[in-house]
Amino acid sequence: MPAPKARRSGDRIVAVTGFLLATAAAFFPWYVFFNQESFGIAPMGYSETRDLPESGGRSVVNVSPLAIPDENDGSAEPSAFDPITTATVSNLGEEGNGGPPSATIVDPDRTFPGKPLYKLLHVANGRALIEDKSGMYIVRIGSVLPDNSRLATLEKRDGQWVIITSNGEVIQR
């Protein structure tokens, strides 16, 4: 068993270390409070320019396989067909789907020859949803329609909504 003096000095060392640790823990929040610029989140710097880091170019560049020309003998001409699917196309105007026939009469007096076929799908809150071969559009009075006319009015006739264009055409739902 150690001597009582050695044990007493070890207890003092533990007590003094505990007191110093408790004092540091009590005063550290105050130190942070009075020196917030040293401990806060640094704001991100803003500059008008976007300088890219100075680095050399890449020695290998990844290229899409569709962008690489075929190694043929050159007899075949390039195709205008793009094999990448990018969207869907409606069948509006095709025969047999209940829509109007796709044959159109060309009027040379029109600013946009060949009447594009579009139909009225829905009317709500002073706006109309129309569809043609290239997609669906939300239009309101004064909007340009696919046939290069403007939407003049939205009316309800015999319980059905119709749109009247600036050319005088009436398109029913």
N, C-alpha and C. Protein backbone atom coordinates (compact mmCIF):
# COMPACT_ATOMS: atom_id res chain seq x y z
N MET A 1 0.83 -1.17 0.00
CA MET A 1 0.00 0.00 0.00
C MET A 1 0.88 1.24 0.00
N PRO A 2 0.51 2.25 -0.90
CA PRO A 2 1.36 3.44 -0.95
C PRO A 2 1.21 4.28 0.32
N ALA A 3 2.15 5.11 0.45
CA ALA A 3 2.17 5.98 1.64
C ALA A 3 1.05 6.99 1.54
N PRO A 4 0.52 7.45 2.72
CA PRO A 4 -0.59 8.40 2.70
C PRO A 4 -0.22 9.72 2.03
N LYS A 5 1.04 10.19 2.09
CA LYS A 5 1.44 11.45 1.47
C LYS A 5 1.38 11.35 -0.06
N ALA A 6 1.83 10.22 -0.61
CA ALA A 6 1.83 10.04 -2.06
C ALA A 6 0.39 9.97 -2.58
N ARG A 7 -0.46 9.35 -1.81
CA ARG A 7 -1.85 9.24 -2.21
C ARG A 7 -2.54 10.61 -2.16
N ARG A 8 -2.18 11.40 -1.16
CA ARG A 8 -2.77 12.71 -1.01
C ARG A 8 -2.34 13.63 -2.16
N SER A 9 -1.10 13.57 -2.57
CA SER A 9 -0.64 14.43 -3.68
C SER A 9 -1.30 14.02 -5.00
N GLY A 10 -1.55 12.73 -5.21
CA GLY A 10 -2.25 12.26 -6.41
C GLY A 10 -3.68 12.75 -6.43
N ASP A 11 -4.31 12.77 -5.26
CA ASP A 11 -5.68 13.29 -5.18
C ASP A 11 -5.72 14.78 -5.49
N ARG A 12 -4.69 15.51 -5.02
CA ARG A 12 -4.63 16.94 -5.31
C ARG A 12 -4.47 17.20 -6.81
N ILE A 13 -3.65 16.39 -7.46
CA ILE A 13 -3.44 16.57 -8.90
C ILE A 13 -4.75 16.33 -9.66
N VAL A 14 -5.48 15.29 -9.29
CA VAL A 14 -6.76 15.01 -9.94
C VAL A 14 -7.75 16.13 -9.65
N ALA A 15 -7.80 16.64 -8.44
CA ALA A 15 -8.73 17.70 -8.07
C ALA A 15 -8.41 19.00 -8.81
N VAL A 16 -7.14 19.36 -8.88
CA VAL A 16 -6.74 20.59 -9.57
C VAL A 16 -7.02 20.46 -11.06
N THR A 17 -6.73 19.30 -11.65
CA THR A 17 -7.01 19.08 -13.07
C THR A 17 -8.51 19.18 -13.34
N GLY A 18 -9.33 18.61 -12.48
CA GLY A 18 -10.78 18.69 -12.64
C GLY A 18 -11.28 20.13 -12.54
N PHE A 19 -10.72 20.90 -11.57
CA PHE A 19 -11.11 22.29 -11.39
C PHE A 19 -10.74 23.11 -12.64
N LEU A 20 -9.53 22.91 -13.17
CA LEU A 20 -9.10 23.65 -14.35
C LEU A 20 -9.95 23.28 -15.58
N LEU A 21 -10.29 22.03 -15.69
CA LEU A 21 -11.14 21.59 -16.80
C LEU A 21 -12.54 22.20 -16.70
N ALA A 22 -13.09 22.23 -15.48
CA ALA A 22 -14.41 22.83 -15.28
C ALA A 22 -14.38 24.33 -15.55
N THR A 23 -13.32 25.00 -15.16
CA THR A 23 -13.18 26.44 -15.39
C THR A 23 -13.09 26.73 -16.89
N ALA A 24 -12.30 25.93 -17.60
CA ALA A 24 -12.18 26.12 -19.05
C ALA A 24 -13.52 25.88 -19.73
N ALA A 25 -14.28 24.86 -19.29
CA ALA A 25 -15.58 24.57 -19.87
C ALA A 25 -16.57 25.69 -19.59
N ALA A 26 -16.45 26.37 -18.46
CA ALA A 26 -17.36 27.46 -18.13
C ALA A 26 -17.04 28.72 -18.92
N PHE A 27 -15.77 28.99 -19.18
CA PHE A 27 -15.39 30.24 -19.86
C PHE A 27 -15.31 30.12 -21.38
N PHE A 28 -15.23 28.92 -21.93
CA PHE A 28 -15.11 28.76 -23.38
C PHE A 28 -16.31 29.31 -24.15
N PRO A 29 -17.56 29.06 -23.72
CA PRO A 29 -18.69 29.66 -24.45
C PRO A 29 -18.64 31.18 -24.48
N TRP A 30 -18.16 31.80 -23.40
CA TRP A 30 -18.05 33.25 -23.38
C TRP A 30 -16.97 33.72 -24.34
N TYR A 31 -15.90 32.99 -24.45
CA TYR A 31 -14.84 33.33 -25.37
C TYR A 31 -15.37 33.26 -26.82
N VAL A 32 -16.16 32.22 -27.11
CA VAL A 32 -16.73 32.09 -28.44
C VAL A 32 -17.73 33.22 -28.69
N PHE A 33 -18.52 33.59 -27.67
CA PHE A 33 -19.51 34.65 -27.82
C PHE A 33 -18.84 35.98 -28.15
N PHE A 34 -17.75 36.30 -27.52
CA PHE A 34 -17.08 37.58 -27.75
C PHE A 34 -16.16 37.56 -28.97
N ASN A 35 -15.87 36.41 -29.53
CA ASN A 35 -15.01 36.30 -30.71
C ASN A 35 -15.73 35.51 -31.81
N GLN A 36 -16.92 35.95 -32.16
CA GLN A 36 -17.74 35.22 -33.13
C GLN A 36 -17.12 35.19 -34.52
N GLU A 37 -16.38 36.21 -34.89
CA GLU A 37 -15.80 36.23 -36.23
C GLU A 37 -14.78 35.11 -36.43
N SER A 38 -14.22 34.60 -35.33
CA SER A 38 -13.26 33.50 -35.44
C SER A 38 -13.95 32.15 -35.49
N PHE A 39 -15.18 32.05 -34.99
CA PHE A 39 -15.85 30.76 -34.88
C PHE A 39 -17.09 30.61 -35.77
N GLY A 40 -17.59 31.71 -36.34
CA GLY A 40 -18.80 31.65 -37.15
C GLY A 40 -18.54 31.01 -38.51
N ILE A 41 -19.63 30.82 -39.23
CA ILE A 41 -19.53 30.27 -40.58
C ILE A 41 -19.07 31.40 -41.49
N ALA A 42 -18.01 31.16 -42.22
CA ALA A 42 -17.47 32.18 -43.11
C ALA A 42 -18.39 32.34 -44.31
N PRO A 43 -18.78 33.59 -44.62
CA PRO A 43 -19.64 33.77 -45.80
C PRO A 43 -18.86 33.47 -47.07
N MET A 44 -19.60 32.98 -48.06
CA MET A 44 -18.97 32.64 -49.33
C MET A 44 -18.64 33.91 -50.09
N GLY A 45 -17.44 33.98 -50.60
CA GLY A 45 -17.02 35.14 -51.36
C GLY A 45 -17.73 35.20 -52.70
N TYR A 46 -18.03 36.39 -53.17
CA TYR A 46 -18.72 36.57 -54.43
C TYR A 46 -17.87 37.43 -55.33
N SER A 47 -17.78 37.02 -56.57
CA SER A 47 -17.06 37.83 -57.55
C SER A 47 -17.85 37.84 -58.84
N GLU A 48 -17.62 38.83 -59.64
CA GLU A 48 -18.35 39.00 -60.90
C GLU A 48 -17.87 38.01 -61.96
N THR A 49 -16.65 37.53 -61.85
CA THR A 49 -16.11 36.65 -62.89
C THR A 49 -16.09 35.22 -62.41
N ARG A 50 -16.07 34.34 -63.36
CA ARG A 50 -15.97 32.91 -63.06
C ARG A 50 -14.70 32.40 -63.72
N ASP A 51 -13.59 32.58 -63.08
CA ASP A 51 -12.34 32.10 -63.64
C ASP A 51 -12.22 30.61 -63.39
N LEU A 52 -11.96 29.90 -64.45
CA LEU A 52 -11.77 28.47 -64.32
C LEU A 52 -10.35 28.19 -63.86
N PRO A 53 -10.19 27.12 -63.11
CA PRO A 53 -8.84 26.81 -62.65
C PRO A 53 -7.93 26.49 -63.83
N GLU A 54 -6.67 26.87 -63.69
CA GLU A 54 -5.70 26.59 -64.73
C GLU A 54 -5.36 25.11 -64.70
N SER A 55 -5.78 24.41 -65.73
CA SER A 55 -5.46 22.99 -65.81
C SER A 55 -5.33 22.63 -67.28
N GLY A 56 -4.56 21.61 -67.52
CA GLY A 56 -4.37 21.17 -68.88
C GLY A 56 -5.60 20.46 -69.41
N GLY A 57 -5.68 20.31 -70.72
CA GLY A 57 -6.81 19.62 -71.32
C GLY A 57 -6.74 18.12 -71.06
N ARG A 58 -7.87 17.48 -71.24
CA ARG A 58 -7.92 16.03 -71.05
C ARG A 58 -7.35 15.35 -72.28
N SER A 59 -6.62 14.29 -72.06
CA SER A 59 -6.05 13.57 -73.19
C SER A 59 -7.08 12.63 -73.82
N VAL A 60 -8.09 12.20 -73.08
CA VAL A 60 -9.12 11.30 -73.59
C VAL A 60 -10.47 12.01 -73.45
N VAL A 61 -11.24 12.02 -74.53
CA VAL A 61 -12.55 12.66 -74.51
C VAL A 61 -13.58 11.59 -74.82
N ASN A 62 -14.62 11.51 -74.01
CA ASN A 62 -15.68 10.54 -74.25
C ASN A 62 -16.63 11.09 -75.31
N VAL A 63 -16.91 10.30 -76.32
CA VAL A 63 -17.78 10.72 -77.41
C VAL A 63 -18.93 9.71 -77.50
N SER A 64 -20.12 10.22 -77.77
CA SER A 64 -21.27 9.34 -77.96
C SER A 64 -21.04 8.45 -79.17
N PRO A 65 -21.40 7.18 -79.08
CA PRO A 65 -21.23 6.29 -80.24
C PRO A 65 -22.00 6.76 -81.46
N LEU A 66 -23.10 7.51 -81.27
CA LEU A 66 -23.88 7.99 -82.41
C LEU A 66 -23.17 9.11 -83.15
N ALA A 67 -22.20 9.76 -82.50
CA ALA A 67 -21.49 10.86 -83.14
C ALA A 67 -20.31 10.38 -83.96
N ILE A 68 -19.94 9.13 -83.84
CA ILE A 68 -18.80 8.59 -84.58
C ILE A 68 -19.29 8.13 -85.95
N PRO A 69 -18.71 8.65 -87.03
CA PRO A 69 -19.16 8.23 -88.36
C PRO A 69 -18.76 6.79 -88.62
N ASP A 70 -19.58 6.13 -89.46
CA ASP A 70 -19.28 4.74 -89.83
C ASP A 70 -18.07 4.71 -90.75
N GLU A 71 -17.32 3.66 -90.64
CA GLU A 71 -16.12 3.47 -91.46
C GLU A 71 -16.48 2.68 -92.72
N ASN A 72 -17.46 3.18 -93.50
CA ASN A 72 -17.87 2.49 -94.73
C ASN A 72 -16.98 2.95 -95.88
N ASP A 73 -17.26 2.40 -97.05
CA ASP A 73 -16.49 2.77 -98.24
C ASP A 73 -16.92 4.13 -98.79
N GLY A 74 -17.88 4.74 -98.19
CA GLY A 74 -18.31 6.07 -98.61
C GLY A 74 -19.40 6.04 -99.65
N SER A 75 -19.87 4.86 -100.06
CA SER A 75 -20.89 4.78 -101.10
C SER A 75 -22.27 5.14 -100.57
N ALA A 76 -22.52 4.89 -99.30
CA ALA A 76 -23.84 5.17 -98.74
C ALA A 76 -23.90 6.61 -98.25
N GLU A 77 -25.00 7.31 -98.59
CA GLU A 77 -25.17 8.68 -98.13
C GLU A 77 -25.70 8.67 -96.70
N PRO A 78 -25.39 9.70 -95.91
CA PRO A 78 -25.89 9.72 -94.54
C PRO A 78 -27.41 9.84 -94.52
N SER A 79 -28.02 9.17 -93.57
CA SER A 79 -29.47 9.15 -93.45
C SER A 79 -29.95 10.38 -92.68
N ALA A 80 -31.11 10.87 -93.05
CA ALA A 80 -31.71 11.99 -92.33
C ALA A 80 -32.43 11.53 -91.08
N PHE A 81 -32.52 10.21 -90.88
CA PHE A 81 -33.22 9.65 -89.73
C PHE A 81 -32.34 9.74 -88.49
N ASP A 82 -32.89 10.26 -87.42
CA ASP A 82 -32.18 10.34 -86.14
C ASP A 82 -32.65 9.19 -85.27
N PRO A 83 -31.78 8.24 -84.91
CA PRO A 83 -32.23 7.06 -84.16
C PRO A 83 -32.53 7.32 -82.69
N ILE A 84 -32.28 8.52 -82.19
CA ILE A 84 -32.53 8.82 -80.78
C ILE A 84 -33.98 9.25 -80.61
N THR A 85 -34.71 8.60 -79.71
CA THR A 85 -36.10 8.96 -79.43
C THR A 85 -36.10 10.13 -78.46
N THR A 86 -36.72 11.24 -78.85
CA THR A 86 -36.72 12.43 -78.00
C THR A 86 -38.11 12.84 -77.54
N ALA A 87 -39.18 12.36 -78.18
CA ALA A 87 -40.52 12.77 -77.78
C ALA A 87 -41.54 11.83 -78.39
N THR A 88 -42.79 12.08 -78.07
CA THR A 88 -43.88 11.32 -78.67
C THR A 88 -44.64 12.23 -79.60
N VAL A 89 -45.30 11.63 -80.57
CA VAL A 89 -46.06 12.39 -81.55
C VAL A 89 -47.50 11.93 -81.47
N SER A 90 -48.42 12.89 -81.41
CA SER A 90 -49.83 12.51 -81.35
C SER A 90 -50.29 12.05 -82.73
N ASN A 91 -51.36 11.28 -82.75
CA ASN A 91 -51.90 10.81 -84.02
C ASN A 91 -53.08 11.67 -84.45
N LEU A 92 -53.13 12.91 -84.01
CA LEU A 92 -54.20 13.83 -84.36
C LEU A 92 -54.17 14.09 -85.87
N GLY A 93 -55.29 13.93 -86.51
CA GLY A 93 -55.38 14.20 -87.93
C GLY A 93 -55.21 12.97 -88.79
N GLU A 94 -54.84 11.84 -88.23
CA GLU A 94 -54.73 10.62 -89.02
C GLU A 94 -56.12 10.05 -89.25
N GLU A 95 -56.27 9.37 -90.36
CA GLU A 95 -57.56 8.78 -90.70
C GLU A 95 -57.90 7.68 -89.70
N GLY A 96 -59.17 7.56 -89.35
CA GLY A 96 -59.62 6.44 -88.55
C GLY A 96 -59.55 6.65 -87.05
N ASN A 97 -59.09 7.78 -86.56
CA ASN A 97 -59.04 7.97 -85.11
C ASN A 97 -60.15 8.89 -84.64
N GLY A 98 -61.07 9.22 -85.51
CA GLY A 98 -62.19 10.06 -85.11
C GLY A 98 -61.92 11.53 -85.34
N GLY A 99 -60.70 11.88 -85.69
CA GLY A 99 -60.37 13.28 -85.94
C GLY A 99 -60.70 13.66 -87.37
N PRO A 100 -60.50 14.91 -87.71
CA PRO A 100 -60.77 15.33 -89.08
C PRO A 100 -59.76 14.70 -90.04
N PRO A 101 -60.10 14.56 -91.31
CA PRO A 101 -59.16 13.97 -92.25
C PRO A 101 -57.94 14.85 -92.43
N SER A 102 -56.82 14.22 -92.81
CA SER A 102 -55.57 14.95 -92.88
C SER A 102 -55.40 15.71 -94.19
N ALA A 103 -56.28 15.52 -95.17
CA ALA A 103 -56.18 16.26 -96.43
C ALA A 103 -56.63 17.69 -96.20
N THR A 104 -55.83 18.65 -96.67
CA THR A 104 -56.16 20.06 -96.48
C THR A 104 -56.19 20.76 -97.83
N ILE A 105 -56.95 21.84 -97.91
CA ILE A 105 -57.01 22.65 -99.11
C ILE A 105 -56.12 23.87 -98.87
N VAL A 106 -55.22 24.14 -99.80
CA VAL A 106 -54.29 25.24 -99.65
C VAL A 106 -54.94 26.51 -100.18
N ASP A 107 -55.01 27.54 -99.33
CA ASP A 107 -55.55 28.84 -99.72
C ASP A 107 -54.38 29.79 -99.89
N PRO A 108 -54.11 30.31 -101.08
CA PRO A 108 -52.93 31.16 -101.27
C PRO A 108 -53.02 32.51 -100.56
N ASP A 109 -54.22 32.91 -100.13
CA ASP A 109 -54.37 34.19 -99.44
C ASP A 109 -53.97 34.13 -97.97
N ARG A 110 -53.80 32.94 -97.46
CA ARG A 110 -53.47 32.80 -96.05
C ARG A 110 -51.99 33.08 -95.83
N THR A 111 -51.67 33.62 -94.66
CA THR A 111 -50.26 33.90 -94.36
C THR A 111 -49.50 32.63 -94.05
N PHE A 112 -50.20 31.58 -93.64
CA PHE A 112 -49.56 30.31 -93.30
C PHE A 112 -50.28 29.24 -94.10
N PRO A 113 -49.80 28.92 -95.31
CA PRO A 113 -50.54 27.99 -96.15
C PRO A 113 -50.66 26.62 -95.52
N GLY A 114 -51.74 25.95 -95.81
CA GLY A 114 -51.98 24.64 -95.24
C GLY A 114 -52.49 24.78 -93.82
N LYS A 115 -53.75 24.50 -93.62
CA LYS A 115 -54.36 24.68 -92.30
C LYS A 115 -53.88 23.59 -91.35
N PRO A 116 -53.17 23.96 -90.29
CA PRO A 116 -52.81 22.95 -89.31
C PRO A 116 -54.06 22.48 -88.58
N LEU A 117 -54.15 21.22 -88.32
CA LEU A 117 -55.30 20.68 -87.63
C LEU A 117 -55.06 20.74 -86.13
N TYR A 118 -55.97 21.35 -85.43
CA TYR A 118 -55.91 21.36 -83.98
C TYR A 118 -57.32 21.26 -83.45
N LYS A 119 -57.41 20.79 -82.22
CA LYS A 119 -58.74 20.65 -81.64
C LYS A 119 -58.73 21.19 -80.22
N LEU A 120 -59.90 21.56 -79.77
CA LEU A 120 -60.10 22.09 -78.43
C LEU A 120 -60.29 20.93 -77.47
N LEU A 121 -59.50 20.90 -76.41
CA LEU A 121 -59.60 19.82 -75.43
C LEU A 121 -60.36 20.23 -74.18
N HIS A 122 -60.08 21.43 -73.65
CA HIS A 122 -60.68 21.83 -72.37
C HIS A 122 -60.66 23.35 -72.25
N VAL A 123 -61.63 23.90 -71.53
CA VAL A 123 -61.68 25.33 -71.26
C VAL A 123 -61.89 25.52 -69.77
N ALA A 124 -61.07 26.39 -69.14
CA ALA A 124 -61.21 26.70 -67.72
C ALA A 124 -60.52 28.03 -67.42
N ASN A 125 -61.15 28.84 -66.58
CA ASN A 125 -60.58 30.10 -66.09
C ASN A 125 -60.12 31.02 -67.22
N GLY A 126 -60.89 31.10 -68.29
CA GLY A 126 -60.55 32.00 -69.38
C GLY A 126 -59.42 31.51 -70.26
N ARG A 127 -59.04 30.26 -70.12
CA ARG A 127 -57.96 29.69 -70.93
C ARG A 127 -58.48 28.42 -71.60
N ALA A 128 -57.88 28.09 -72.72
CA ALA A 128 -58.28 26.90 -73.47
C ALA A 128 -57.05 26.03 -73.69
N LEU A 129 -57.25 24.72 -73.63
CA LEU A 129 -56.21 23.75 -73.92
C LEU A 129 -56.49 23.20 -75.30
N ILE A 130 -55.54 23.43 -76.23
CA ILE A 130 -55.71 22.93 -77.59
C ILE A 130 -54.58 21.96 -77.90
N GLU A 131 -54.81 21.11 -78.91
CA GLU A 131 -53.80 20.12 -79.31
C GLU A 131 -53.71 20.11 -80.82
N ASP A 132 -52.46 20.07 -81.30
CA ASP A 132 -52.23 19.85 -82.72
C ASP A 132 -51.17 18.78 -82.87
N LYS A 133 -50.64 18.60 -84.07
CA LYS A 133 -49.68 17.53 -84.31
C LYS A 133 -48.38 17.71 -83.53
N SER A 134 -48.02 18.94 -83.19
CA SER A 134 -46.75 19.17 -82.50
C SER A 134 -46.87 19.22 -80.99
N GLY A 135 -48.07 19.19 -80.44
CA GLY A 135 -48.20 19.17 -78.99
C GLY A 135 -49.47 19.82 -78.48
N MET A 136 -49.47 20.08 -77.17
CA MET A 136 -50.62 20.70 -76.51
C MET A 136 -50.23 22.10 -76.05
N TYR A 137 -51.18 23.04 -76.12
CA TYR A 137 -50.92 24.42 -75.77
C TYR A 137 -52.05 24.96 -74.92
N ILE A 138 -51.71 25.84 -73.99
CA ILE A 138 -52.71 26.59 -73.24
C ILE A 138 -52.73 27.98 -73.84
N VAL A 139 -53.91 28.40 -74.29
CA VAL A 139 -54.05 29.70 -74.95
C VAL A 139 -55.14 30.50 -74.24
N ARG A 140 -55.10 31.80 -74.42
CA ARG A 140 -56.14 32.68 -73.91
C ARG A 140 -56.46 33.70 -74.99
N ILE A 141 -57.43 34.54 -74.74
CA ILE A 141 -57.85 35.51 -75.75
C ILE A 141 -56.65 36.38 -76.13
N GLY A 142 -56.39 36.44 -77.44
CA GLY A 142 -55.27 37.21 -77.96
C GLY A 142 -54.04 36.35 -78.28
N SER A 143 -54.03 35.08 -77.84
CA SER A 143 -52.88 34.21 -78.11
C SER A 143 -52.86 33.80 -79.57
N VAL A 144 -51.65 33.58 -80.09
CA VAL A 144 -51.49 33.12 -81.47
C VAL A 144 -51.75 31.62 -81.50
N LEU A 145 -52.57 31.20 -82.45
CA LEU A 145 -52.94 29.79 -82.60
C LEU A 145 -52.04 29.14 -83.65
N PRO A 146 -52.04 27.81 -83.74
CA PRO A 146 -51.16 27.13 -84.70
C PRO A 146 -51.39 27.50 -86.16
N ASP A 147 -52.58 28.01 -86.53
CA ASP A 147 -52.80 28.42 -87.92
C ASP A 147 -52.45 29.88 -88.14
N ASN A 148 -51.71 30.48 -87.23
CA ASN A 148 -51.21 31.85 -87.29
C ASN A 148 -52.32 32.88 -87.15
N SER A 149 -53.48 32.47 -86.65
CA SER A 149 -54.54 33.41 -86.32
C SER A 149 -54.49 33.65 -84.82
N ARG A 150 -55.37 34.49 -84.33
CA ARG A 150 -55.41 34.75 -82.89
C ARG A 150 -56.74 34.27 -82.32
N LEU A 151 -56.71 33.92 -81.04
CA LEU A 151 -57.93 33.49 -80.36
C LEU A 151 -58.76 34.75 -80.07
N ALA A 152 -59.96 34.83 -80.67
CA ALA A 152 -60.80 36.01 -80.51
C ALA A 152 -61.69 35.88 -79.28
N THR A 153 -62.45 34.79 -79.15
CA THR A 153 -63.34 34.62 -78.00
C THR A 153 -63.47 33.16 -77.63
N LEU A 154 -63.86 32.95 -76.40
CA LEU A 154 -64.25 31.64 -75.88
C LEU A 154 -65.73 31.72 -75.56
N GLU A 155 -66.53 30.84 -76.16
CA GLU A 155 -67.97 30.88 -75.94
C GLU A 155 -68.49 29.49 -75.61
N LYS A 156 -69.63 29.49 -74.93
CA LYS A 156 -70.32 28.23 -74.66
C LYS A 156 -71.58 28.22 -75.50
N ARG A 157 -71.62 27.31 -76.48
CA ARG A 157 -72.77 27.20 -77.38
C ARG A 157 -73.40 25.82 -77.22
N ASP A 158 -74.67 25.80 -76.94
CA ASP A 158 -75.42 24.55 -76.75
C ASP A 158 -74.75 23.64 -75.74
N GLY A 159 -74.20 24.22 -74.67
CA GLY A 159 -73.58 23.44 -73.60
C GLY A 159 -72.17 22.99 -73.92
N GLN A 160 -71.64 23.34 -75.08
CA GLN A 160 -70.28 22.96 -75.46
C GLN A 160 -69.43 24.21 -75.65
N TRP A 161 -68.17 24.13 -75.22
CA TRP A 161 -67.26 25.25 -75.39
C TRP A 161 -66.75 25.28 -76.82
N VAL A 162 -66.65 26.49 -77.38
CA VAL A 162 -66.07 26.68 -78.71
C VAL A 162 -65.09 27.85 -78.62
N ILE A 163 -64.11 27.83 -79.52
CA ILE A 163 -63.22 28.99 -79.63
C ILE A 163 -63.42 29.57 -81.02
N ILE A 164 -63.41 30.89 -81.09
CA ILE A 164 -63.57 31.59 -82.35
C ILE A 164 -62.26 32.32 -82.62
N THR A 165 -61.70 32.09 -83.80
CA THR A 165 -60.41 32.67 -84.15
C THR A 165 -60.61 34.01 -84.84
N SER A 166 -59.51 34.72 -85.04
CA SER A 166 -59.59 36.01 -85.72
C SER A 166 -59.92 35.83 -87.20
N ASN A 167 -59.75 34.62 -87.74
CA ASN A 167 -60.15 34.34 -89.13
C ASN A 167 -61.65 34.04 -89.23
N GLY A 168 -62.34 33.95 -88.10
CA GLY A 168 -63.76 33.65 -88.10
C GLY A 168 -64.08 32.18 -87.98
N GLU A 169 -63.08 31.35 -87.85
CA GLU A 169 -63.31 29.91 -87.73
C GLU A 169 -63.81 29.59 -86.32
N VAL A 170 -64.71 28.61 -86.26
CA VAL A 170 -65.25 28.15 -84.97
C VAL A 170 -64.75 26.73 -84.75
N ILE A 171 -64.00 26.52 -83.67
CA ILE A 171 -63.48 25.20 -83.34
C ILE A 171 -64.22 24.70 -82.12
N GLN A 172 -64.90 23.55 -82.26
CA GLN A 172 -65.68 22.99 -81.16
C GLN A 172 -64.88 21.91 -80.46
N ARG A 173 -65.32 21.61 -79.27
CA ARG A 173 -64.68 20.57 -78.47
C ARG A 173 -65.03 19.22 -79.00
